[in-house]
């Protein structure tokens, strides 16, 4: 006997929530776009990327043009210093990612979402540091152009390749550390102004240590810079995970 045809309803698979990396990317992209729309942030970053390298080359390095030994010693150090100058904007952006959004009431929907603490915190950190790294690269390019224009193309040969490359790599990991610290503070305080002031004071020792070590690292060699980059990268990772795990988002959400 023939069985009647039975229309079977299609099996609908449950929707899977996006992965932490996907959520982190979306948060970082949105925050980076908003940061680049802020006129003050862009103007300050452009000053550090375009004007400050010119001032340093003309005022500091040009007088050393005839002193090759002194010039050779400081050229690589300024690769690091000039690259770090735009990182100051990352502190301001990071300060606004938690405390600033809490003041504006924009943080509640994100806190109420199923996104994990690590995805939220990591996304906020990346969106704070990404614009500053873009402007840091622009600053490094301008630095090389200004060296060529004012001191001659032969000056570029005085840049030690290994140390210079290591100094460039040190810029993003140092900027990332600053953004993590600023985000950590911002997620624990109530107002944007408090987050910005406390972050600025807390990071003064970091800038002093990094710039102070940059004068020593050139004598210690490329391996010392590589070791410093690797160590700081591990600290960045550990601090991000620890900050996310200890962040009590429920308390923040209950006070909204």
C-alpha atoms as a PDB file:
ATOM      1  CA  UNK A   1       0.000   0.000   0.000  1.00  0.00           C
ATOM      2  CA  UNK A   2       1.378   3.378  -1.002  1.00  0.00           C
ATOM      3  CA  UNK A   3       2.040   5.766   1.800  1.00  0.00           C
ATOM      4  CA  UNK A   4       0.812   9.340   1.306  1.00  0.00           C
ATOM      5  CA  UNK A   5       3.449  11.952   0.704  1.00  0.00           C
ATOM      6  CA  UNK A   6       4.304  13.707   3.855  1.00  0.00           C
ATOM      7  CA  UNK A   7       5.670  17.219   3.622  1.00  0.00           C
ATOM      8  CA  UNK A   8       8.475  17.421   6.035  1.00  0.00           C
ATOM      9  CA  UNK A   9       9.262  20.836   7.459  1.00  0.00           C
ATOM     10  CA  UNK A  10      12.863  21.838   6.852  1.00  0.00           C
ATOM     11  CA  UNK A  11      15.184  21.461   9.774  1.00  0.00           C
ATOM     12  CA  UNK A  12      16.256  24.872  10.914  1.00  0.00           C
ATOM     13  CA  UNK A  13      19.639  24.906  12.565  1.00  0.00           C
ATOM     14  CA  UNK A  14      19.964  27.235  15.538  1.00  0.00           C
ATOM     15  CA  UNK A  15      21.772  30.493  14.922  1.00  0.00           C
ATOM     16  CA  UNK A  16      25.280  30.464  16.212  1.00  0.00           C
ATOM     17  CA  UNK A  17      26.518  33.587  17.922  1.00  0.00           C
ATOM     18  CA  UNK A  18      29.539  35.209  16.272  1.00  0.00           C
ATOM     19  CA  UNK A  19      32.940  34.279  17.605  1.00  0.00           C
ATOM     20  CA  UNK A  20      34.856  36.500  20.004  1.00  0.00           C
ATOM     21  CA  UNK A  21      37.252  37.479  17.218  1.00  0.00           C
ATOM     22  CA  UNK A  22      34.362  38.514  14.981  1.00  0.00           C
ATOM     23  CA  UNK A  23      32.748  40.588  17.737  1.00  0.00           C
ATOM     24  CA  UNK A  24      36.117  42.122  18.595  1.00  0.00           C
ATOM     25  CA  UNK A  25      36.644  43.086  14.957  1.00  0.00           C
ATOM     26  CA  UNK A  26      33.186  44.683  14.677  1.00  0.00           C
ATOM     27  CA  UNK A  27      33.669  46.700  17.869  1.00  0.00           C
ATOM     28  CA  UNK A  28      37.143  47.778  16.777  1.00  0.00           C
ATOM     29  CA  UNK A  29      35.965  48.812  13.306  1.00  0.00           C
ATOM     30  CA  UNK A  30      33.061  50.857  14.621  1.00  0.00           C
ATOM     31  CA  UNK A  31      35.174  52.581  17.273  1.00  0.00           C
ATOM     32  CA  UNK A  32      38.009  53.345  14.841  1.00  0.00           C
ATOM     33  CA  UNK A  33      35.648  54.947  12.339  1.00  0.00           C
ATOM     34  CA  UNK A  34      34.103  57.091  15.070  1.00  0.00           C
ATOM     35  CA  UNK A  35      37.549  58.136  16.322  1.00  0.00           C
ATOM     36  CA  UNK A  36      38.598  59.221  12.830  1.00  0.00           C
ATOM     37  CA  UNK A  37      35.465  61.346  12.614  1.00  0.00           C
ATOM     38  CA  UNK A  38      36.494  63.336  15.668  1.00  0.00           C
ATOM     39  CA  UNK A  39      38.019  66.558  14.373  1.00  0.00           C
ATOM     40  CA  UNK A  40      40.198  67.261  17.408  1.00  0.00           C
ATOM     41  CA  UNK A  41      41.700  63.750  17.400  1.00  0.00           C
ATOM     42  CA  UNK A  42      42.484  63.958  13.683  1.00  0.00           C
ATOM     43  CA  UNK A  43      43.987  67.457  13.949  1.00  0.00           C
ATOM     44  CA  UNK A  44      46.224  66.468  16.863  1.00  0.00           C
ATOM     45  CA  UNK A  45      47.303  63.265  15.094  1.00  0.00           C
ATOM     46  CA  UNK A  46      48.096  65.175  11.895  1.00  0.00           C
ATOM     47  CA  UNK A  47      50.239  67.593  13.893  1.00  0.00           C
ATOM     48  CA  UNK A  48      52.231  64.710  15.375  1.00  0.00           C
ATOM     49  CA  UNK A  49      52.497  62.972  11.988  1.00  0.00           C
ATOM     50  CA  UNK A  50      53.311  65.926   9.710  1.00  0.00           C
ATOM     51  CA  UNK A  51      54.541  68.928  11.703  1.00  0.00           C
ATOM     52  CA  UNK A  52      56.447  67.494  14.665  1.00  0.00           C
ATOM     53  CA  UNK A  53      58.861  65.379  12.553  1.00  0.00           C
ATOM     54  CA  UNK A  54      59.657  68.505  10.544  1.00  0.00           C
ATOM     55  CA  UNK A  55      60.342  70.508  13.710  1.00  0.00           C
ATOM     56  CA  UNK A  56      62.609  67.810  15.141  1.00  0.00           C
ATOM     57  CA  UNK A  57      64.571  67.353  11.928  1.00  0.00           C
ATOM     58  CA  UNK A  58      65.120  71.092  11.428  1.00  0.00           C
ATOM     59  CA  UNK A  59      65.691  72.086  15.060  1.00  0.00           C
ATOM     60  CA  UNK A  60      67.565  69.040  16.391  1.00  0.00           C
ATOM     61  CA  UNK A  61      69.098  66.996  13.590  1.00  0.00           C
ATOM     62  CA  UNK A  62      69.995  69.663  11.046  1.00  0.00           C
ATOM     63  CA  UNK A  63      72.515  71.337  13.424  1.00  0.00           C
ATOM     64  CA  UNK A  64      74.235  67.925  13.711  1.00  0.00           C
ATOM     65  CA  UNK A  65      74.705  67.614   9.962  1.00  0.00           C
ATOM     66  CA  UNK A  66      78.475  68.009  10.166  1.00  0.00           C
ATOM     67  CA  UNK A  67      78.809  65.815  13.262  1.00  0.00           C
ATOM     68  CA  UNK A  68      78.331  62.385  11.734  1.00  0.00           C
ATOM     69  CA  UNK A  69      79.007  60.375  14.905  1.00  0.00           C
ATOM     70  CA  UNK A  70      76.382  62.258  16.947  1.00  0.00           C
ATOM     71  CA  UNK A  71      73.921  62.208  14.075  1.00  0.00           C
ATOM     72  CA  UNK A  72      74.314  58.473  13.585  1.00  0.00           C
ATOM     73  CA  UNK A  73      73.633  57.866  17.271  1.00  0.00           C
ATOM     74  CA  UNK A  74      70.333  59.742  17.458  1.00  0.00           C
ATOM     75  CA  UNK A  75      68.808  58.952  14.053  1.00  0.00           C
ATOM     76  CA  UNK A  76      67.452  55.547  15.103  1.00  0.00           C
ATOM     77  CA  UNK A  77      66.278  56.863  18.472  1.00  0.00           C
ATOM     78  CA  UNK A  78      64.098  59.441  16.736  1.00  0.00           C
ATOM     79  CA  UNK A  79      62.518  56.634  14.727  1.00  0.00           C
ATOM     80  CA  UNK A  80      61.008  55.458  18.018  1.00  0.00           C
ATOM     81  CA  UNK A  81      60.237  58.883  19.477  1.00  0.00           C
ATOM     82  CA  UNK A  82      58.527  60.184  16.342  1.00  0.00           C
ATOM     83  CA  UNK A  83      56.519  56.972  16.013  1.00  0.00           C
ATOM     84  CA  UNK A  84      55.319  57.200  19.610  1.00  0.00           C
ATOM     85  CA  UNK A  85      54.115  60.796  19.418  1.00  0.00           C
ATOM     86  CA  UNK A  86      50.761  59.937  17.753  1.00  0.00           C
ATOM     87  CA  UNK A  87      50.208  57.301  20.467  1.00  0.00           C
ATOM     88  CA  UNK A  88      49.009  60.067  22.768  1.00  0.00           C
ATOM     89  CA  UNK A  89      45.769  60.122  20.780  1.00  0.00           C
ATOM     90  CA  UNK A  90      45.219  56.448  21.666  1.00  0.00           C
ATOM     91  CA  UNK A  91      45.012  57.426  25.337  1.00  0.00           C
ATOM     92  CA  UNK A  92      42.233  59.913  24.654  1.00  0.00           C
ATOM     93  CA  UNK A  93      40.315  57.467  22.465  1.00  0.00           C
ATOM     94  CA  UNK A  94      40.660  54.658  25.014  1.00  0.00           C
ATOM     95  CA  UNK A  95      39.521  56.949  27.824  1.00  0.00           C
ATOM     96  CA  UNK A  96      36.308  57.608  25.940  1.00  0.00           C
ATOM     97  CA  UNK A  97      35.577  53.996  25.026  1.00  0.00           C
ATOM     98  CA  UNK A  98      34.236  53.071  28.460  1.00  0.00           C
ATOM     99  CA  UNK A  99      33.934  56.127  30.696  1.00  0.00           C
ATOM    100  CA  UNK A 100      32.896  58.444  27.867  1.00  0.00           C
ATOM    101  CA  UNK A 101      30.263  56.035  26.557  1.00  0.00           C
ATOM    102  CA  UNK A 102      28.951  55.472  30.077  1.00  0.00           C
ATOM    103  CA  UNK A 103      28.407  59.213  30.447  1.00  0.00           C
ATOM    104  CA  UNK A 104      26.561  59.329  27.126  1.00  0.00           C
ATOM    105  CA  UNK A 105      24.539  56.187  27.836  1.00  0.00           C
ATOM    106  CA  UNK A 106      25.880  54.413  24.732  1.00  0.00           C
ATOM    107  CA  UNK A 107      27.529  51.529  26.563  1.00  0.00           C
ATOM    108  CA  UNK A 108      24.372  49.796  27.834  1.00  0.00           C
ATOM    109  CA  UNK A 109      23.365  47.950  24.609  1.00  0.00           C
ATOM    110  CA  UNK A 110      26.843  46.484  24.259  1.00  0.00           C
ATOM    111  CA  UNK A 111      26.954  45.391  27.906  1.00  0.00           C
ATOM    112  CA  UNK A 112      23.538  43.749  27.552  1.00  0.00           C
ATOM    113  CA  UNK A 113      24.656  41.786  24.479  1.00  0.00           C
ATOM    114  CA  UNK A 114      25.988  38.207  24.691  1.00  0.00           C
ATOM    115  CA  UNK A 115      29.469  39.408  23.713  1.00  0.00           C
ATOM    116  CA  UNK A 116      32.139  38.236  26.123  1.00  0.00           C
ATOM    117  CA  UNK A 117      34.193  40.539  28.305  1.00  0.00           C
ATOM    118  CA  UNK A 118      37.307  39.677  26.311  1.00  0.00           C
ATOM    119  CA  UNK A 119      35.643  40.522  22.992  1.00  0.00           C
ATOM    120  CA  UNK A 120      34.360  43.855  24.305  1.00  0.00           C
ATOM    121  CA  UNK A 121      37.575  44.866  26.046  1.00  0.00           C
ATOM    122  CA  UNK A 122      39.786  43.675  23.202  1.00  0.00           C
ATOM    123  CA  UNK A 123      37.676  45.480  20.609  1.00  0.00           C
ATOM    124  CA  UNK A 124      37.806  48.718  22.587  1.00  0.00           C
ATOM    125  CA  UNK A 125      41.595  48.478  22.906  1.00  0.00           C
ATOM    126  CA  UNK A 126      42.117  47.780  19.202  1.00  0.00           C
ATOM    127  CA  UNK A 127      39.846  50.629  18.130  1.00  0.00           C
ATOM    128  CA  UNK A 128      41.826  52.982  20.378  1.00  0.00           C
ATOM    129  CA  UNK A 129      45.229  52.001  19.043  1.00  0.00           C
ATOM    130  CA  UNK A 130      44.462  51.419  15.342  1.00  0.00           C
ATOM    131  CA  UNK A 131      44.136  55.109  14.334  1.00  0.00           C
ATOM    132  CA  UNK A 132      47.300  56.042  16.216  1.00  0.00           C
ATOM    133  CA  UNK A 133      49.285  53.323  14.422  1.00  0.00           C
ATOM    134  CA  UNK A 134      48.116  54.689  11.057  1.00  0.00           C
ATOM    135  CA  UNK A 135      49.354  58.148  11.981  1.00  0.00           C
ATOM    136  CA  UNK A 136      52.565  56.673  13.424  1.00  0.00           C
ATOM    137  CA  UNK A 137      53.358  55.107  10.049  1.00  0.00           C
ATOM    138  CA  UNK A 138      52.680  58.459   8.390  1.00  0.00           C
ATOM    139  CA  UNK A 139      55.022  60.133  10.882  1.00  0.00           C
ATOM    140  CA  UNK A 140      57.819  57.643  10.100  1.00  0.00           C
ATOM    141  CA  UNK A 141      57.431  58.239   6.357  1.00  0.00           C
ATOM    142  CA  UNK A 142      57.508  62.009   6.866  1.00  0.00           C
ATOM    143  CA  UNK A 143      60.602  61.620   9.052  1.00  0.00           C
ATOM    144  CA  UNK A 144      62.472  59.846   6.253  1.00  0.00           C
ATOM    145  CA  UNK A 145      61.296  62.410   3.689  1.00  0.00           C
ATOM    146  CA  UNK A 146      62.408  65.343   5.840  1.00  0.00           C
ATOM    147  CA  UNK A 147      65.782  63.690   6.454  1.00  0.00           C
ATOM    148  CA  UNK A 148      66.250  63.364   2.714  1.00  0.00           C
ATOM    149  CA  UNK A 149      65.195  66.947   1.993  1.00  0.00           C
ATOM    150  CA  UNK A 150      67.193  68.710   4.693  1.00  0.00           C
ATOM    151  CA  UNK A 151      70.183  66.428   5.332  1.00  0.00           C
ATOM    152  CA  UNK A 152      70.530  64.618   2.020  1.00  0.00           C
ATOM    153  CA  UNK A 153      69.738  61.121   0.893  1.00  0.00           C
ATOM    154  CA  UNK A 154      73.131  59.884   2.133  1.00  0.00           C
ATOM    155  CA  UNK A 155      71.873  60.473   5.693  1.00  0.00           C
ATOM    156  CA  UNK A 156      69.544  57.495   5.338  1.00  0.00           C
ATOM    157  CA  UNK A 157      72.590  55.253   5.088  1.00  0.00           C
ATOM    158  CA  UNK A 158      73.470  56.199   8.660  1.00  0.00           C
ATOM    159  CA  UNK A 159      70.299  54.516   9.912  1.00  0.00           C
ATOM    160  CA  UNK A 160      71.238  51.031  11.180  1.00  0.00           C
ATOM    161  CA  UNK A 161      68.724  48.709   9.457  1.00  0.00           C
ATOM    162  CA  UNK A 162      68.287  46.192  12.300  1.00  0.00           C
ATOM    163  CA  UNK A 163      67.891  48.720  15.103  1.00  0.00           C
ATOM    164  CA  UNK A 164      65.673  51.007  13.014  1.00  0.00           C
ATOM    165  CA  UNK A 165      63.312  48.165  12.088  1.00  0.00           C
ATOM    166  CA  UNK A 166      63.182  46.996  15.696  1.00  0.00           C
ATOM    167  CA  UNK A 167      62.376  50.543  16.834  1.00  0.00           C
ATOM    168  CA  UNK A 168      59.508  50.684  14.343  1.00  0.00           C
ATOM    169  CA  UNK A 169      58.100  47.387  15.654  1.00  0.00           C
ATOM    170  CA  UNK A 170      58.430  48.700  19.208  1.00  0.00           C
ATOM    171  CA  UNK A 171      56.019  51.550  18.390  1.00  0.00           C
ATOM    172  CA  UNK A 172      52.778  49.489  18.039  1.00  0.00           C
ATOM    173  CA  UNK A 173      53.436  47.254  21.068  1.00  0.00           C
ATOM    174  CA  UNK A 174      54.164  50.297  23.229  1.00  0.00           C
ATOM    175  CA  UNK A 175      51.092  52.096  21.895  1.00  0.00           C
ATOM    176  CA  UNK A 176      49.037  48.973  22.563  1.00  0.00           C
ATOM    177  CA  UNK A 177      50.246  48.879  26.169  1.00  0.00           C
ATOM    178  CA  UNK A 178      49.248  52.526  26.620  1.00  0.00           C
ATOM    179  CA  UNK A 179      45.799  51.854  25.130  1.00  0.00           C
ATOM    180  CA  UNK A 180      45.290  48.818  27.389  1.00  0.00           C
ATOM    181  CA  UNK A 181      46.186  50.784  30.514  1.00  0.00           C
ATOM    182  CA  UNK A 182      43.926  53.680  29.474  1.00  0.00           C
ATOM    183  CA  UNK A 183      41.064  51.268  28.692  1.00  0.00           C
ATOM    184  CA  UNK A 184      41.558  49.505  32.012  1.00  0.00           C
ATOM    185  CA  UNK A 185      41.315  52.797  33.872  1.00  0.00           C
ATOM    186  CA  UNK A 186      38.401  54.001  31.733  1.00  0.00           C
ATOM    187  CA  UNK A 187      36.410  50.834  32.484  1.00  0.00           C
ATOM    188  CA  UNK A 188      36.803  51.413  36.235  1.00  0.00           C
ATOM    189  CA  UNK A 189      36.047  55.139  36.594  1.00  0.00           C
ATOM    190  CA  UNK A 190      32.880  57.148  36.080  1.00  0.00           C
ATOM    191  CA  UNK A 191      33.834  60.071  33.841  1.00  0.00           C
ATOM    192  CA  UNK A 192      35.878  60.658  30.700  1.00  0.00           C
ATOM    193  CA  UNK A 193      37.886  63.489  32.287  1.00  0.00           C
ATOM    194  CA  UNK A 194      38.886  61.290  35.203  1.00  0.00           C
ATOM    195  CA  UNK A 195      39.925  58.480  32.880  1.00  0.00           C
ATOM    196  CA  UNK A 196      42.015  60.818  30.723  1.00  0.00           C
ATOM    197  CA  UNK A 197      43.763  62.492  33.664  1.00  0.00           C
ATOM    198  CA  UNK A 198      44.519  59.275  35.551  1.00  0.00           C
ATOM    199  CA  UNK A 199      45.696  57.532  32.365  1.00  0.00           C
ATOM    200  CA  UNK A 200      48.011  60.407  31.496  1.00  0.00           C
ATOM    201  CA  UNK A 201      49.617  60.341  34.928  1.00  0.00           C
ATOM    202  CA  UNK A 202      49.851  56.546  35.031  1.00  0.00           C
ATOM    203  CA  UNK A 203      51.621  56.371  31.666  1.00  0.00           C
ATOM    204  CA  UNK A 204      54.294  58.993  32.369  1.00  0.00           C
ATOM    205  CA  UNK A 205      56.654  56.302  33.751  1.00  0.00           C
ATOM    206  CA  UNK A 206      56.098  54.210  30.606  1.00  0.00           C
ATOM    207  CA  UNK A 207      57.208  56.995  28.265  1.00  0.00           C
ATOM    208  CA  UNK A 208      60.194  57.763  30.500  1.00  0.00           C
ATOM    209  CA  UNK A 209      61.306  54.110  30.605  1.00  0.00           C
ATOM    210  CA  UNK A 210      60.839  53.472  26.872  1.00  0.00           C
ATOM    211  CA  UNK A 211      62.622  56.639  25.767  1.00  0.00           C
ATOM    212  CA  UNK A 212      65.373  56.122  28.355  1.00  0.00           C
ATOM    213  CA  UNK A 213      65.921  52.540  27.233  1.00  0.00           C
ATOM    214  CA  UNK A 214      65.998  53.582  23.575  1.00  0.00           C
ATOM    215  CA  UNK A 215      69.346  55.301  24.196  1.00  0.00           C
ATOM    216  CA  UNK A 216      70.716  52.084  25.717  1.00  0.00           C
ATOM    217  CA  UNK A 217      69.191  49.617  23.276  1.00  0.00           C
ATOM    218  CA  UNK A 218      71.292  50.935  20.417  1.00  0.00           C
ATOM    219  CA  UNK A 219      74.422  49.965  22.360  1.00  0.00           C
ATOM    220  CA  UNK A 220      72.986  46.580  23.366  1.00  0.00           C
ATOM    221  CA  UNK A 221      72.132  45.614  19.793  1.00  0.00           C
ATOM    222  CA  UNK A 222      69.181  44.409  17.785  1.00  0.00           C
ATOM    223  CA  UNK A 223      68.580  41.303  19.890  1.00  0.00           C
ATOM    224  CA  UNK A 224      67.966  43.439  22.963  1.00  0.00           C
ATOM    225  CA  UNK A 225      65.300  45.434  21.103  1.00  0.00           C
ATOM    226  CA  UNK A 226      63.702  42.227  19.814  1.00  0.00           C
ATOM    227  CA  UNK A 227      63.633  40.840  23.356  1.00  0.00           C
ATOM    228  CA  UNK A 228      62.031  44.052  24.615  1.00  0.00           C
ATOM    229  CA  UNK A 229      59.384  43.918  21.856  1.00  0.00           C
ATOM    230  CA  UNK A 230      58.583  40.265  22.612  1.00  0.00           C
ATOM    231  CA  UNK A 231      58.408  40.904  26.363  1.00  0.00           C
ATOM    232  CA  UNK A 232      56.147  43.909  25.969  1.00  0.00           C
ATOM    233  CA  UNK A 233      53.885  41.986  23.558  1.00  0.00           C
ATOM    234  CA  UNK A 234      53.456  39.216  26.136  1.00  0.00           C
ATOM    235  CA  UNK A 235      52.670  41.820  28.795  1.00  0.00           C
ATOM    236  CA  UNK A 236      50.069  43.362  26.460  1.00  0.00           C
ATOM    237  CA  UNK A 237      48.366  40.001  25.982  1.00  0.00           C
ATOM    238  CA  UNK A 238      48.405  39.091  29.674  1.00  0.00           C
ATOM    239  CA  UNK A 239      47.166  42.512  30.764  1.00  0.00           C
ATOM    240  CA  UNK A 240      44.299  42.425  28.234  1.00  0.00           C
ATOM    241  CA  UNK A 241      43.103  39.003  29.408  1.00  0.00           C
ATOM    242  CA  UNK A 242      43.443  39.927  33.090  1.00  0.00           C
ATOM    243  CA  UNK A 243      41.630  43.235  32.605  1.00  0.00           C
ATOM    244  CA  UNK A 244      38.751  41.549  30.782  1.00  0.00           C
ATOM    245  CA  UNK A 245      38.371  38.795  33.381  1.00  0.00           C
ATOM    246  CA  UNK A 246      38.357  41.189  36.331  1.00  0.00           C
ATOM    247  CA  UNK A 247      35.965  43.680  34.695  1.00  0.00           C
ATOM    248  CA  UNK A 248      32.573  43.517  36.420  1.00  0.00           C
ATOM    249  CA  UNK A 249      30.304  44.554  33.606  1.00  0.00           C
ATOM    250  CA  UNK A 250      27.201  43.573  35.599  1.00  0.00           C
ATOM    251  CA  UNK A 251      27.961  46.290  38.124  1.00  0.00           C
ATOM    252  CA  UNK A 252      28.381  48.829  35.362  1.00  0.00           C
ATOM    253  CA  UNK A 253      25.133  47.698  33.720  1.00  0.00           C
ATOM    254  CA  UNK A 254      23.194  47.906  36.981  1.00  0.00           C
ATOM    255  CA  UNK A 255      24.230  51.539  37.427  1.00  0.00           C
ATOM    256  CA  UNK A 256      23.103  52.626  33.961  1.00  0.00           C
END
